[in-house]
């Protein structure tokens, strides 16, 4: 059981594109607000469902339990964004990375520090970006 919350990085203002929170995804967003990245794990076949969704993509089961994901993984790839929607103008340039977590989940998320091509394969940790109106998850190189 992981009981240490993720590091939190404070951002002033609202999230640029707030997520839609449904009855199914509410546990995910509640846990992230508390500092934990979670995913539903299929009770029938054991597969993790990320992004969270009600049906298992492997066996179509609806039975699941929410688990806390380990915060470490490796940077698989990234890109640097130089032109973005107006809501993200103040963040330019910024990086988006593909991160393979140690639990086998692949994330597409914001990278909070600068990456170079030499950083591909380097260890990362997930973090919480805490905005005034709620959290988002991101990763940083360690």
Protein backbone atom coordinates (compact mmCIF):
# COMPACT_ATOMS: atom_id res chain seq x y z
CA UNK A 1 0.00 0.00 0.00
CA UNK A 2 1.32 3.41 -0.98
CA UNK A 3 0.57 5.89 1.77
CA UNK A 4 2.90 8.79 0.96
CA UNK A 5 1.24 11.45 -1.21
CA UNK A 6 2.82 12.65 -4.42
CA UNK A 7 4.81 15.89 -4.41
CA UNK A 8 2.55 18.86 -5.15
CA UNK A 9 3.42 21.81 -7.36
CA UNK A 10 1.19 24.84 -6.87
CA UNK A 11 -0.21 26.71 -9.90
CA UNK A 12 -2.17 29.93 -9.50
CA UNK A 13 -5.38 30.26 -11.45
CA UNK A 14 -7.76 27.70 -12.89
CA UNK A 15 -6.84 24.60 -14.88
CA UNK A 16 -6.58 25.54 -18.57
CA UNK A 17 -8.98 22.77 -19.60
CA UNK A 18 -10.72 21.31 -16.53
CA UNK A 19 -11.67 17.64 -16.82
CA UNK A 20 -15.22 16.37 -16.86
CA UNK A 21 -15.84 14.54 -13.62
CA UNK A 22 -18.38 11.73 -13.83
CA UNK A 23 -19.73 9.45 -11.15
CA UNK A 24 -17.24 6.82 -12.34
CA UNK A 25 -14.16 9.10 -12.43
CA UNK A 26 -14.92 10.95 -9.19
CA UNK A 27 -12.78 8.51 -7.10
CA UNK A 28 -9.82 9.23 -9.41
CA UNK A 29 -10.12 13.02 -9.00
CA UNK A 30 -10.76 12.78 -5.26
CA UNK A 31 -7.64 10.64 -4.79
CA UNK A 32 -5.56 12.99 -6.95
CA UNK A 33 -6.75 15.94 -4.83
CA UNK A 34 -5.35 14.03 -1.83
CA UNK A 35 -2.05 13.36 -3.65
CA UNK A 36 -2.54 9.85 -5.02
CA UNK A 37 -2.61 8.73 -8.65
CA UNK A 38 -5.08 5.85 -8.95
CA UNK A 39 -6.50 3.51 -11.56
CA UNK A 40 -9.23 0.89 -11.61
CA UNK A 41 -7.88 -2.67 -11.63
CA UNK A 42 -10.06 -5.34 -13.24
CA UNK A 43 -11.20 -7.94 -10.73
CA UNK A 44 -11.70 -10.52 -13.51
CA UNK A 45 -8.35 -10.35 -15.37
CA UNK A 46 -6.15 -8.01 -13.29
CA UNK A 47 -5.57 -5.41 -16.01
CA UNK A 48 -5.21 -1.76 -15.02
CA UNK A 49 -7.55 0.65 -16.81
CA UNK A 50 -5.90 3.97 -17.56
CA UNK A 51 -7.34 6.36 -18.31
CA UNK A 52 -10.06 5.22 -15.91
CA UNK A 53 -13.03 3.66 -17.68
CA UNK A 54 -15.92 1.49 -16.51
CA UNK A 55 -15.30 -1.49 -18.84
CA UNK A 56 -12.08 -3.49 -18.97
CA UNK A 57 -10.63 -3.25 -22.50
CA UNK A 58 -9.26 -6.81 -22.19
CA UNK A 59 -12.26 -8.80 -20.91
CA UNK A 60 -15.16 -6.28 -20.83
CA UNK A 61 -15.75 -6.82 -17.12
CA UNK A 62 -17.22 -3.99 -15.06
CA UNK A 63 -15.82 -5.41 -11.78
CA UNK A 64 -12.91 -3.37 -10.52
CA UNK A 65 -11.15 -2.03 -7.46
CA UNK A 66 -9.32 1.31 -7.31
CA UNK A 67 -5.59 0.98 -6.59
CA UNK A 68 -2.91 3.59 -5.93
CA UNK A 69 -0.24 3.57 -8.63
CA UNK A 70 3.43 3.67 -7.76
CA UNK A 71 4.78 7.13 -8.63
CA UNK A 72 7.91 6.12 -10.55
CA UNK A 73 8.53 5.21 -14.16
CA UNK A 74 10.60 6.09 -17.20
CA UNK A 75 10.31 8.73 -19.88
CA UNK A 76 9.40 6.96 -23.12
CA UNK A 77 9.19 10.05 -25.33
CA UNK A 78 8.32 13.75 -25.27
CA UNK A 79 7.64 16.77 -27.42
CA UNK A 80 8.02 20.46 -26.73
CA UNK A 81 5.02 22.65 -27.50
CA UNK A 82 5.74 26.14 -28.88
CA UNK A 83 2.28 27.07 -30.22
CA UNK A 84 -0.74 26.29 -28.05
CA UNK A 85 -4.31 27.33 -27.39
CA UNK A 86 -4.68 30.77 -25.80
CA UNK A 87 -5.39 29.20 -22.38
CA UNK A 88 -1.81 27.87 -22.33
CA UNK A 89 -0.02 30.94 -23.77
CA UNK A 90 1.57 31.77 -20.41
CA UNK A 91 3.17 28.32 -20.18
CA UNK A 92 4.93 28.31 -23.57
CA UNK A 93 7.12 26.54 -24.35
CA UNK A 94 6.18 23.42 -22.36
CA UNK A 95 6.78 19.70 -22.73
CA UNK A 96 4.35 16.82 -22.94
CA UNK A 97 5.76 13.38 -22.20
CA UNK A 98 4.84 9.77 -22.59
CA UNK A 99 5.73 8.05 -19.33
CA UNK A 100 5.76 4.31 -18.64
CA UNK A 101 5.00 3.84 -14.93
CA UNK A 102 6.50 0.91 -13.05
CA UNK A 103 2.96 -0.51 -12.65
CA UNK A 104 2.64 -0.93 -16.43
CA UNK A 105 0.49 2.13 -17.12
CA UNK A 106 1.49 4.48 -19.93
CA UNK A 107 0.65 8.15 -19.26
CA UNK A 108 0.51 11.12 -21.57
CA UNK A 109 1.14 14.09 -19.30
CA UNK A 110 2.82 17.40 -18.77
CA UNK A 111 6.54 17.37 -17.94
CA UNK A 112 7.29 20.00 -15.33
CA UNK A 113 11.00 20.27 -16.03
CA UNK A 114 12.98 20.58 -19.25
CA UNK A 115 13.77 17.36 -21.08
CA UNK A 116 16.30 16.70 -23.82
CA UNK A 117 16.61 13.72 -26.12
CA UNK A 118 19.32 12.39 -23.79
CA UNK A 119 16.60 12.08 -21.11
CA UNK A 120 14.66 9.40 -23.01
CA UNK A 121 14.65 6.36 -20.72
CA UNK A 122 15.44 8.43 -17.65
CA UNK A 123 13.53 7.92 -14.40
CA UNK A 124 10.56 10.16 -13.65
CA UNK A 125 8.11 10.58 -10.80
CA UNK A 126 4.51 11.65 -10.98
CA UNK A 127 3.47 14.87 -9.28
CA UNK A 128 0.25 16.75 -8.63
CA UNK A 129 -0.22 20.14 -10.28
CA UNK A 130 -2.58 21.85 -7.83
CA UNK A 131 -4.55 24.67 -9.47
CA UNK A 132 -7.07 26.91 -7.71
CA UNK A 133 -9.95 24.80 -9.05
CA UNK A 134 -8.45 21.32 -8.66
CA UNK A 135 -5.59 18.97 -9.52
CA UNK A 136 -3.99 17.62 -12.66
CA UNK A 137 -1.20 15.04 -12.78
CA UNK A 138 2.19 15.53 -14.37
CA UNK A 139 5.68 14.02 -14.29
CA UNK A 140 9.15 15.31 -13.61
CA UNK A 141 12.60 13.93 -14.30
CA UNK A 142 14.49 12.78 -11.21
